[in-house]
Amino acid sequence: MPRPCRRLLAVSHDYSYSGAPIALYRALPGAGDWEVLVASPFDGPLRAGYRRAGIRADVAPGLRGGAAVRAAHRLGKPALLYVHEAQMGAAWARAVPEMADALALADCVIYPARFLVELYARYRRGGPTSWWSPRGTRWRRG
């Protein structure tokens, strides 16, 4: 009997050659048997890279990661949030309630460094698991 299709929507703030978009791009080709769709409000050169890797990548103007996490929560779907930024991201979470809510609602938050687990802990509100990974390889529970 064939396995049911597992789908993953990954939302990036853009398709540029910059930190978080590159980290997401490096992680997604390893998604195994998941059907992956990447969406971003802004186009850029990484979009073509996703296509070459066989991953659907769309531009969705107005889409925001925080809104996607809230929508997943309302629909009862799991939401994973990858946080790449340190001080600037924490300042954004303080200033933008949508981002603070996304951090609290996500089922899992992944960070590229252990110190970020502590930096963002106040937004997790005792929430579910946080993970971190040095160099984006082996994931460790925070």
N, C-alpha and C. Protein backbone atom coordinates (compact mmCIF):
# COMPACT_ATOMS: atom_id res chain seq x y z
N MET A 1 0.84 -1.18 0.00
CA MET A 1 0.00 0.00 0.00
C MET A 1 0.89 1.24 0.00
N PRO A 2 0.65 2.19 -0.90
CA PRO A 2 1.49 3.40 -0.94
C PRO A 2 1.27 4.26 0.30
N ARG A 3 2.36 4.92 0.71
CA ARG A 3 2.28 5.82 1.86
C ARG A 3 1.55 7.09 1.47
N PRO A 4 0.77 7.66 2.39
CA PRO A 4 0.10 8.92 2.07
C PRO A 4 1.14 10.01 1.84
N CYS A 5 0.82 10.92 0.96
CA CYS A 5 1.72 12.03 0.65
C CYS A 5 1.83 12.95 1.86
N ARG A 6 3.05 13.27 2.23
CA ARG A 6 3.28 14.23 3.30
C ARG A 6 3.71 15.53 2.64
N ARG A 7 3.05 16.62 3.02
CA ARG A 7 3.31 17.90 2.39
C ARG A 7 3.92 18.87 3.39
N LEU A 8 4.82 19.70 2.86
CA LEU A 8 5.50 20.71 3.66
C LEU A 8 5.47 22.03 2.92
N LEU A 9 4.94 23.06 3.56
CA LEU A 9 5.00 24.42 3.04
C LEU A 9 6.09 25.14 3.80
N ALA A 10 7.10 25.61 3.09
CA ALA A 10 8.18 26.38 3.69
C ALA A 10 8.04 27.82 3.22
N VAL A 11 8.02 28.76 4.17
CA VAL A 11 7.87 30.17 3.83
C VAL A 11 9.18 30.88 4.14
N SER A 12 9.71 31.56 3.15
CA SER A 12 10.95 32.33 3.31
C SER A 12 10.62 33.80 3.10
N HIS A 13 11.37 34.68 3.77
CA HIS A 13 11.08 36.11 3.58
C HIS A 13 11.49 36.60 2.20
N ASP A 14 12.39 35.88 1.52
CA ASP A 14 12.72 36.18 0.13
C ASP A 14 13.57 35.05 -0.45
N TYR A 15 13.87 35.14 -1.73
CA TYR A 15 14.71 34.15 -2.42
C TYR A 15 16.10 34.71 -2.72
N SER A 16 16.62 35.55 -1.84
CA SER A 16 17.94 36.17 -2.05
C SER A 16 19.06 35.23 -1.63
N TYR A 17 20.28 35.60 -2.02
CA TYR A 17 21.47 34.90 -1.54
C TYR A 17 21.89 35.56 -0.22
N SER A 18 21.12 35.32 0.83
CA SER A 18 21.46 35.85 2.15
C SER A 18 21.23 34.75 3.18
N GLY A 19 21.57 35.03 4.44
CA GLY A 19 21.62 34.03 5.51
C GLY A 19 20.49 33.03 5.61
N ALA A 20 19.32 33.47 6.08
CA ALA A 20 18.21 32.54 6.31
C ALA A 20 17.71 31.87 5.02
N PRO A 21 17.55 32.60 3.91
CA PRO A 21 17.12 31.93 2.69
C PRO A 21 18.11 30.84 2.23
N ILE A 22 19.41 31.09 2.40
CA ILE A 22 20.40 30.07 2.02
C ILE A 22 20.30 28.86 2.95
N ALA A 23 20.14 29.11 4.25
CA ALA A 23 20.01 28.00 5.21
C ALA A 23 18.80 27.13 4.88
N LEU A 24 17.67 27.76 4.56
CA LEU A 24 16.48 27.01 4.19
C LEU A 24 16.71 26.23 2.90
N TYR A 25 17.34 26.86 1.94
CA TYR A 25 17.64 26.22 0.65
C TYR A 25 18.51 24.97 0.84
N ARG A 26 19.47 25.05 1.74
CA ARG A 26 20.35 23.91 2.00
C ARG A 26 19.64 22.78 2.73
N ALA A 27 18.64 23.12 3.54
CA ALA A 27 17.94 22.10 4.34
C ALA A 27 16.87 21.35 3.56
N LEU A 28 16.16 22.01 2.68
CA LEU A 28 14.99 21.41 2.06
C LEU A 28 15.25 20.27 1.08
N PRO A 29 16.33 20.27 0.31
CA PRO A 29 16.53 19.11 -0.57
C PRO A 29 16.65 17.78 0.19
N GLY A 30 16.92 17.83 1.47
CA GLY A 30 16.99 16.61 2.28
C GLY A 30 15.65 16.22 2.87
N ALA A 31 14.55 16.74 2.35
CA ALA A 31 13.23 16.48 2.92
C ALA A 31 12.70 15.09 2.60
N GLY A 32 13.48 14.28 1.92
CA GLY A 32 13.09 12.90 1.66
C GLY A 32 11.84 12.78 0.83
N ASP A 33 10.87 12.02 1.34
CA ASP A 33 9.66 11.76 0.56
C ASP A 33 8.57 12.80 0.78
N TRP A 34 8.92 13.93 1.33
CA TRP A 34 7.95 15.01 1.51
C TRP A 34 7.75 15.74 0.19
N GLU A 35 6.53 16.15 -0.07
CA GLU A 35 6.24 17.04 -1.19
C GLU A 35 6.40 18.45 -0.65
N VAL A 36 7.39 19.19 -1.16
CA VAL A 36 7.73 20.50 -0.61
C VAL A 36 7.29 21.61 -1.56
N LEU A 37 6.69 22.63 -0.99
CA LEU A 37 6.39 23.88 -1.69
C LEU A 37 7.05 24.99 -0.89
N VAL A 38 7.86 25.80 -1.55
CA VAL A 38 8.46 26.97 -0.91
C VAL A 38 7.71 28.19 -1.44
N ALA A 39 7.37 29.09 -0.54
CA ALA A 39 6.68 30.32 -0.92
C ALA A 39 7.39 31.51 -0.29
N SER A 40 7.42 32.59 -1.02
CA SER A 40 8.06 33.82 -0.55
C SER A 40 7.34 35.01 -1.17
N PRO A 41 7.26 36.12 -0.44
CA PRO A 41 6.63 37.30 -1.03
C PRO A 41 7.50 37.99 -2.09
N PHE A 42 8.81 37.67 -2.11
CA PHE A 42 9.72 38.33 -3.05
C PHE A 42 10.53 37.32 -3.84
N ASP A 43 10.68 37.56 -5.13
CA ASP A 43 11.46 36.69 -6.00
C ASP A 43 12.95 36.94 -5.81
N GLY A 44 13.76 36.04 -6.31
CA GLY A 44 15.21 36.19 -6.24
C GLY A 44 15.89 34.97 -6.85
N PRO A 45 17.23 34.97 -6.86
CA PRO A 45 17.98 33.92 -7.55
C PRO A 45 17.84 32.51 -6.95
N LEU A 46 17.54 32.39 -5.67
CA LEU A 46 17.41 31.05 -5.08
C LEU A 46 16.18 30.31 -5.60
N ARG A 47 15.22 31.02 -6.12
CA ARG A 47 14.03 30.37 -6.66
C ARG A 47 14.39 29.41 -7.79
N ALA A 48 15.29 29.82 -8.65
CA ALA A 48 15.75 28.94 -9.73
C ALA A 48 16.49 27.72 -9.17
N GLY A 49 17.24 27.91 -8.09
CA GLY A 49 17.93 26.80 -7.45
C GLY A 49 16.96 25.75 -6.93
N TYR A 50 15.87 26.19 -6.33
CA TYR A 50 14.85 25.24 -5.86
C TYR A 50 14.30 24.45 -7.04
N ARG A 51 14.02 25.13 -8.12
CA ARG A 51 13.47 24.44 -9.30
C ARG A 51 14.44 23.39 -9.82
N ARG A 52 15.73 23.74 -9.87
CA ARG A 52 16.74 22.76 -10.33
C ARG A 52 16.79 21.55 -9.39
N ALA A 53 16.50 21.77 -8.12
CA ALA A 53 16.50 20.67 -7.14
C ALA A 53 15.18 19.90 -7.15
N GLY A 54 14.25 20.29 -8.03
CA GLY A 54 12.98 19.59 -8.13
C GLY A 54 11.97 20.01 -7.08
N ILE A 55 12.16 21.19 -6.49
CA ILE A 55 11.27 21.69 -5.46
C ILE A 55 10.46 22.86 -6.02
N ARG A 56 9.16 22.79 -5.88
CA ARG A 56 8.30 23.87 -6.34
C ARG A 56 8.54 25.12 -5.49
N ALA A 57 8.71 26.25 -6.16
CA ALA A 57 8.97 27.52 -5.47
C ALA A 57 8.11 28.60 -6.11
N ASP A 58 7.22 29.18 -5.32
CA ASP A 58 6.29 30.19 -5.82
C ASP A 58 6.53 31.53 -5.15
N VAL A 59 6.09 32.58 -5.82
CA VAL A 59 6.09 33.92 -5.24
C VAL A 59 4.65 34.22 -4.83
N ALA A 60 4.49 34.63 -3.57
CA ALA A 60 3.17 34.93 -3.03
C ALA A 60 3.22 36.31 -2.38
N PRO A 61 2.99 37.37 -3.16
CA PRO A 61 3.08 38.72 -2.62
C PRO A 61 2.22 38.89 -1.36
N GLY A 62 2.78 39.54 -0.37
CA GLY A 62 2.05 39.80 0.87
C GLY A 62 2.16 38.69 1.91
N LEU A 63 2.70 37.55 1.55
CA LEU A 63 2.83 36.43 2.49
C LEU A 63 3.88 36.75 3.55
N ARG A 64 3.58 36.42 4.78
CA ARG A 64 4.52 36.60 5.89
C ARG A 64 4.59 35.30 6.68
N GLY A 65 5.81 35.00 7.18
CA GLY A 65 6.01 33.77 7.94
C GLY A 65 5.14 33.67 9.17
N GLY A 66 5.01 34.78 9.90
CA GLY A 66 4.19 34.77 11.10
C GLY A 66 2.74 34.44 10.78
N ALA A 67 2.23 34.99 9.70
CA ALA A 67 0.85 34.70 9.30
C ALA A 67 0.69 33.24 8.92
N ALA A 68 1.71 32.66 8.29
CA ALA A 68 1.65 31.24 7.91
C ALA A 68 1.61 30.35 9.15
N VAL A 69 2.38 30.69 10.17
CA VAL A 69 2.38 29.91 11.42
C VAL A 69 1.01 30.01 12.09
N ARG A 70 0.43 31.20 12.14
CA ARG A 70 -0.89 31.36 12.75
C ARG A 70 -1.95 30.59 11.97
N ALA A 71 -1.88 30.62 10.64
CA ALA A 71 -2.85 29.88 9.82
C ALA A 71 -2.72 28.38 10.06
N ALA A 72 -1.50 27.88 10.12
CA ALA A 72 -1.30 26.45 10.39
C ALA A 72 -1.89 26.09 11.75
N HIS A 73 -1.67 26.94 12.74
CA HIS A 73 -2.20 26.69 14.08
C HIS A 73 -3.73 26.62 14.05
N ARG A 74 -4.35 27.57 13.36
CA ARG A 74 -5.83 27.58 13.27
C ARG A 74 -6.36 26.32 12.58
N LEU A 75 -5.60 25.81 11.59
CA LEU A 75 -6.03 24.62 10.84
C LEU A 75 -5.64 23.31 11.53
N GLY A 76 -4.94 23.41 12.65
CA GLY A 76 -4.52 22.20 13.35
C GLY A 76 -3.35 21.51 12.67
N LYS A 77 -2.59 22.24 11.87
CA LYS A 77 -1.42 21.70 11.18
C LYS A 77 -0.16 22.07 11.94
N PRO A 78 0.82 21.18 11.97
CA PRO A 78 2.07 21.53 12.67
C PRO A 78 2.82 22.64 11.95
N ALA A 79 3.50 23.46 12.72
CA ALA A 79 4.28 24.55 12.15
C ALA A 79 5.67 24.52 12.76
N LEU A 80 6.67 24.52 11.91
CA LEU A 80 8.06 24.59 12.31
C LEU A 80 8.58 25.96 11.91
N LEU A 81 9.27 26.61 12.79
CA LEU A 81 9.80 27.95 12.52
C LEU A 81 11.32 27.89 12.62
N TYR A 82 12.00 28.36 11.59
CA TYR A 82 13.46 28.44 11.60
C TYR A 82 13.83 29.90 11.82
N VAL A 83 14.58 30.17 12.90
CA VAL A 83 14.98 31.54 13.23
C VAL A 83 16.48 31.66 13.04
N HIS A 84 16.88 32.50 12.12
CA HIS A 84 18.30 32.64 11.76
C HIS A 84 18.94 33.86 12.42
N GLU A 85 18.14 34.87 12.69
CA GLU A 85 18.67 36.15 13.18
C GLU A 85 18.89 36.14 14.69
N ALA A 86 19.87 36.92 15.13
CA ALA A 86 20.13 37.04 16.57
C ALA A 86 19.48 38.32 17.09
N GLN A 87 20.28 39.33 17.39
CA GLN A 87 19.77 40.56 18.02
C GLN A 87 18.71 41.27 17.17
N MET A 88 18.93 41.34 15.87
CA MET A 88 17.96 42.01 15.01
C MET A 88 16.63 41.26 15.03
N GLY A 89 16.67 39.94 15.00
CA GLY A 89 15.44 39.16 15.05
C GLY A 89 14.72 39.29 16.37
N ALA A 90 15.48 39.31 17.47
CA ALA A 90 14.86 39.47 18.78
C ALA A 90 14.21 40.86 18.89
N ALA A 91 14.86 41.88 18.34
CA ALA A 91 14.27 43.22 18.35
C ALA A 91 12.99 43.24 17.51
N TRP A 92 13.00 42.52 16.41
CA TRP A 92 11.81 42.43 15.55
C TRP A 92 10.67 41.74 16.30
N ALA A 93 10.99 40.67 17.03
CA ALA A 93 9.96 39.96 17.81
C ALA A 93 9.37 40.87 18.89
N ARG A 94 10.20 41.73 19.48
CA ARG A 94 9.70 42.68 20.49
C ARG A 94 8.78 43.72 19.85
N ALA A 95 9.11 44.15 18.63
CA ALA A 95 8.39 45.25 17.99
C ALA A 95 7.17 44.80 17.18
N VAL A 96 7.18 43.56 16.71
CA VAL A 96 6.12 43.08 15.81
C VAL A 96 5.37 41.94 16.49
N PRO A 97 4.18 42.20 17.02
CA PRO A 97 3.44 41.16 17.73
C PRO A 97 3.23 39.89 16.90
N GLU A 98 3.08 40.03 15.58
CA GLU A 98 2.91 38.87 14.70
C GLU A 98 4.07 37.88 14.84
N MET A 99 5.29 38.39 14.95
CA MET A 99 6.45 37.51 15.08
C MET A 99 6.52 36.88 16.47
N ALA A 100 6.22 37.64 17.50
CA ALA A 100 6.19 37.07 18.85
C ALA A 100 5.15 35.97 18.93
N ASP A 101 3.97 36.18 18.32
CA ASP A 101 2.93 35.15 18.30
C ASP A 101 3.39 33.91 17.55
N ALA A 102 4.07 34.11 16.43
CA ALA A 102 4.55 32.96 15.66
C ALA A 102 5.53 32.13 16.47
N LEU A 103 6.41 32.78 17.21
CA LEU A 103 7.35 32.04 18.06
C LEU A 103 6.61 31.24 19.13
N ALA A 104 5.54 31.80 19.68
CA ALA A 104 4.79 31.12 20.72
C ALA A 104 3.93 29.98 20.16
N LEU A 105 3.41 30.14 18.95
CA LEU A 105 2.49 29.15 18.37
C LEU A 105 3.18 28.01 17.64
N ALA A 106 4.39 28.22 17.17
CA ALA A 106 5.07 27.17 16.38
C ALA A 106 5.24 25.90 17.22
N ASP A 107 5.03 24.77 16.59
CA ASP A 107 5.19 23.48 17.28
C ASP A 107 6.65 23.20 17.59
N CYS A 108 7.53 23.72 16.75
CA CYS A 108 8.96 23.53 16.94
C CYS A 108 9.67 24.75 16.36
N VAL A 109 10.69 25.20 17.04
CA VAL A 109 11.51 26.31 16.51
C VAL A 109 12.94 25.79 16.41
N ILE A 110 13.55 26.02 15.25
CA ILE A 110 14.92 25.58 15.01
C ILE A 110 15.81 26.80 14.87
N TYR A 111 16.97 26.74 15.51
CA TYR A 111 17.94 27.83 15.50
C TYR A 111 19.28 27.28 15.02
N PRO A 112 20.12 28.09 14.36
CA PRO A 112 21.42 27.61 13.91
C PRO A 112 22.50 27.63 15.00
N ALA A 113 22.18 28.14 16.19
CA ALA A 113 23.18 28.20 17.27
C ALA A 113 22.48 28.09 18.62
N ARG A 114 23.14 27.46 19.57
CA ARG A 114 22.57 27.22 20.90
C ARG A 114 22.17 28.51 21.63
N PHE A 115 22.98 29.57 21.51
CA PHE A 115 22.68 30.80 22.26
C PHE A 115 21.34 31.40 21.82
N LEU A 116 20.89 31.12 20.60
CA LEU A 116 19.61 31.66 20.14
C LEU A 116 18.43 31.02 20.87
N VAL A 117 18.59 29.77 21.32
CA VAL A 117 17.53 29.12 22.10
C VAL A 117 17.22 29.97 23.32
N GLU A 118 18.27 30.41 24.03
CA GLU A 118 18.07 31.24 25.21
C GLU A 118 17.59 32.65 24.86
N LEU A 119 18.11 33.21 23.77
CA LEU A 119 17.74 34.56 23.37
C LEU A 119 16.24 34.66 23.09
N TYR A 120 15.66 33.64 22.50
CA TYR A 120 14.25 33.66 22.13
C TYR A 120 13.34 32.95 23.12
N ALA A 121 13.87 32.43 24.21
CA ALA A 121 13.08 31.63 25.16
C ALA A 121 11.87 32.39 25.70
N ARG A 122 12.01 33.69 25.92
CA ARG A 122 10.89 34.45 26.50
C ARG A 122 9.67 34.48 25.59
N TYR A 123 9.85 34.26 24.30
CA TYR A 123 8.72 34.26 23.36
C TYR A 123 8.06 32.89 23.25
N ARG A 124 8.73 31.87 23.71
CA ARG A 124 8.20 30.52 23.57
C ARG A 124 7.08 30.24 24.56
N ARG A 125 6.97 31.04 25.63
CA ARG A 125 5.89 30.90 26.62
C ARG A 125 5.72 29.46 27.09
N GLY A 126 6.85 28.81 27.38
CA GLY A 126 6.80 27.43 27.83
C GLY A 126 6.36 26.49 26.73
N GLY A 127 6.45 26.96 25.51
CA GLY A 127 5.96 26.19 24.36
C GLY A 127 6.77 24.96 24.06
N PRO A 128 6.44 24.32 22.96
CA PRO A 128 7.07 23.06 22.59
C PRO A 128 8.56 23.18 22.32
N THR A 129 9.08 22.15 21.77
CA THR A 129 10.51 21.94 21.60
C THR A 129 11.21 23.01 20.78
N SER A 130 12.42 23.33 21.21
CA SER A 130 13.33 24.16 20.43
C SER A 130 14.54 23.29 20.10
N TRP A 131 15.07 23.45 18.93
CA TRP A 131 16.24 22.69 18.47
C TRP A 131 17.28 23.67 17.96
N TRP A 132 18.51 23.24 17.95
CA TRP A 132 19.58 24.04 17.37
C TRP A 132 20.52 23.11 16.65
N SER A 133 21.26 23.65 15.71
CA SER A 133 22.16 22.83 14.91
C SER A 133 23.40 23.62 14.54
N PRO A 134 24.58 23.16 14.98
CA PRO A 134 25.80 23.83 14.53
C PRO A 134 26.01 23.52 13.05
N ARG A 135 26.26 24.55 12.27
CA ARG A 135 26.52 24.42 10.84
C ARG A 135 25.38 23.73 10.09
N GLY A 136 24.17 23.73 10.66
CA GLY A 136 23.02 23.18 9.96
C GLY A 136 23.08 21.70 9.72
N THR A 137 23.73 20.95 10.60
CA THR A 137 23.85 19.51 10.36
C THR A 137 23.03 18.71 11.35
N ARG A 138 23.64 18.18 12.40
CA ARG A 138 22.94 17.34 13.37
C ARG A 138 22.10 18.20 14.31
N TRP A 139 20.79 17.93 14.35
CA TRP A 139 19.91 18.72 15.20
C TRP A 139 19.98 18.24 16.63
N ARG A 140 20.01 19.16 17.56
CA ARG A 140 20.07 18.85 18.99
C ARG A 140 18.95 19.55 19.71
N ARG A 141 18.39 18.87 20.68
CA ARG A 141 17.28 19.45 21.45
C ARG A 141 17.80 20.57 22.34
N GLY A 142 17.07 21.70 22.34
CA GLY A 142 17.46 22.86 23.13
C GLY A 142 16.86 22.75 24.47
